[in-house]
């Protein structure tokens, strides 16, 4: 499983790409929580309070990676579970050629196949 999420940013090439990413993380905190929650849905957890967890590292002018820091919350009223911990996940990013869209690419987590009998 590998999740991707596209954001329309409408940036000009002359603007600071790092600032655009930081502003996006601040303004789309809830959307990023949903994006990260896809990775933890089998655990019954959700991601909240997403912030930038590392420096933004550019590999090229349009691509790079950074870490997102977030609260991972496990809650189940029936089982009396209410746990929360801070976690990190590495995200790759890619601007399109016109710098109008930013695509975030989560890590690749192989899904477990069927067990043999």
Protein backbone atom coordinates (compact mmCIF):
# COMPACT_ATOMS: atom_id res chain seq x y z
CA UNK A 1 0.00 0.00 0.00
CA UNK A 2 1.24 3.46 -0.86
CA UNK A 3 -0.99 6.50 -0.48
CA UNK A 4 -0.77 9.71 -2.51
CA UNK A 5 -2.58 13.01 -2.04
CA UNK A 6 -2.70 15.92 -4.48
CA UNK A 7 -3.04 19.55 -3.41
CA UNK A 8 -3.68 22.44 -5.75
CA UNK A 9 -1.37 25.29 -4.78
CA UNK A 10 -1.26 27.64 -7.79
CA UNK A 11 2.32 28.69 -7.07
CA UNK A 12 4.53 30.65 -9.43
CA UNK A 13 8.00 29.23 -10.10
CA UNK A 14 9.52 32.33 -8.49
CA UNK A 15 7.98 31.67 -5.06
CA UNK A 16 9.81 29.78 -2.33
CA UNK A 17 8.87 26.08 -2.59
CA UNK A 18 9.87 25.36 1.01
CA UNK A 19 7.56 28.09 2.30
CA UNK A 20 4.72 26.73 0.16
CA UNK A 21 5.15 23.27 1.74
CA UNK A 22 5.26 24.68 5.28
CA UNK A 23 2.16 26.81 4.65
CA UNK A 24 0.34 23.80 3.17
CA UNK A 25 1.11 21.68 6.24
CA UNK A 26 -0.23 24.42 8.52
CA UNK A 27 -3.39 25.06 6.51
CA UNK A 28 -4.22 21.41 5.67
CA UNK A 29 -3.56 19.82 9.07
CA UNK A 30 -6.90 17.95 9.13
CA UNK A 31 -6.54 16.74 5.52
CA UNK A 32 -3.05 15.45 6.29
CA UNK A 33 -4.45 13.66 9.34
CA UNK A 34 -6.91 11.85 7.07
CA UNK A 35 -4.09 11.02 4.62
CA UNK A 36 -1.93 9.54 7.40
CA UNK A 37 -4.86 7.71 8.99
CA UNK A 38 -5.11 5.45 5.93
CA UNK A 39 -1.83 3.86 7.05
CA UNK A 40 -3.17 3.03 10.50
CA UNK A 41 -6.79 2.07 9.78
CA UNK A 42 -6.12 -1.66 10.32
CA UNK A 43 -4.87 -0.81 13.82
CA UNK A 44 -8.04 1.19 14.46
CA UNK A 45 -6.04 4.40 14.93
CA UNK A 46 -6.27 7.91 13.51
CA UNK A 47 -3.68 10.64 13.06
CA UNK A 48 -4.20 14.11 14.55
CA UNK A 49 -2.23 17.32 15.15
CA UNK A 50 0.02 16.94 12.09
CA UNK A 51 3.13 19.14 12.02
CA UNK A 52 6.40 19.27 10.13
CA UNK A 53 8.78 16.90 11.93
CA UNK A 54 12.03 17.57 10.07
CA UNK A 55 13.75 19.88 7.64
CA UNK A 56 12.54 19.78 4.04
CA UNK A 57 15.14 18.06 1.88
CA UNK A 58 15.06 18.82 -1.86
CA UNK A 59 16.40 16.11 -4.17
CA UNK A 60 15.71 18.20 -7.29
CA UNK A 61 13.99 21.54 -7.83
CA UNK A 62 10.61 19.77 -7.88
CA UNK A 63 11.03 16.71 -5.63
CA UNK A 64 12.17 15.92 -2.14
CA UNK A 65 11.15 14.54 1.23
CA UNK A 66 10.38 15.50 4.81
CA UNK A 67 8.94 13.92 7.93
CA UNK A 68 5.52 14.62 9.35
CA UNK A 69 5.00 14.38 13.09
CA UNK A 70 1.55 13.54 14.43
CA UNK A 71 -0.43 12.12 17.33
CA UNK A 72 -1.49 8.53 16.69
CA UNK A 73 -4.71 7.93 18.63
CA UNK A 74 -6.16 4.49 19.37
CA UNK A 75 -9.71 4.64 20.73
CA UNK A 76 -12.25 1.90 21.34
CA UNK A 77 -14.98 2.56 23.90
CA UNK A 78 -16.06 -1.09 24.04
CA UNK A 79 -12.57 -2.29 24.96
CA UNK A 80 -11.80 0.77 27.15
CA UNK A 81 -8.83 1.72 24.98
CA UNK A 82 -7.77 5.35 24.73
CA UNK A 83 -4.08 5.61 23.89
CA UNK A 84 -2.14 8.37 22.23
CA UNK A 85 1.50 8.63 21.17
CA UNK A 86 3.58 10.95 19.01
CA UNK A 87 4.86 9.36 15.79
CA UNK A 88 6.82 10.27 12.64
CA UNK A 89 6.43 9.21 9.02
CA UNK A 90 8.57 10.10 5.99
CA UNK A 91 6.75 11.72 3.08
CA UNK A 92 8.06 12.31 -0.43
CA UNK A 93 6.75 15.21 -2.46
CA UNK A 94 6.65 16.28 -6.08
CA UNK A 95 5.63 19.56 -7.68
CA UNK A 96 4.18 19.34 -11.17
CA UNK A 97 6.06 21.08 -13.99
CA UNK A 98 4.00 24.29 -13.65
CA UNK A 99 4.23 24.40 -9.83
CA UNK A 100 0.42 24.45 -9.68
CA UNK A 101 0.00 21.13 -7.82
CA UNK A 102 1.88 19.36 -5.05
CA UNK A 103 1.67 15.59 -4.69
CA UNK A 104 2.51 13.99 -1.36
CA UNK A 105 3.58 10.36 -1.49
CA UNK A 106 3.53 8.25 1.64
CA UNK A 107 5.88 5.36 2.33
CA UNK A 108 5.34 1.98 0.71
CA UNK A 109 4.02 -0.50 3.26
CA UNK A 110 3.61 -3.97 1.76
CA UNK A 111 0.30 -5.54 2.66
CA UNK A 112 0.34 -8.90 4.27
CA UNK A 113 -0.78 -11.67 1.96
CA UNK A 114 -2.80 -14.71 2.88
CA UNK A 115 -1.22 -17.17 5.28
CA UNK A 116 -0.46 -20.66 4.05
CA UNK A 117 -2.08 -23.58 5.82
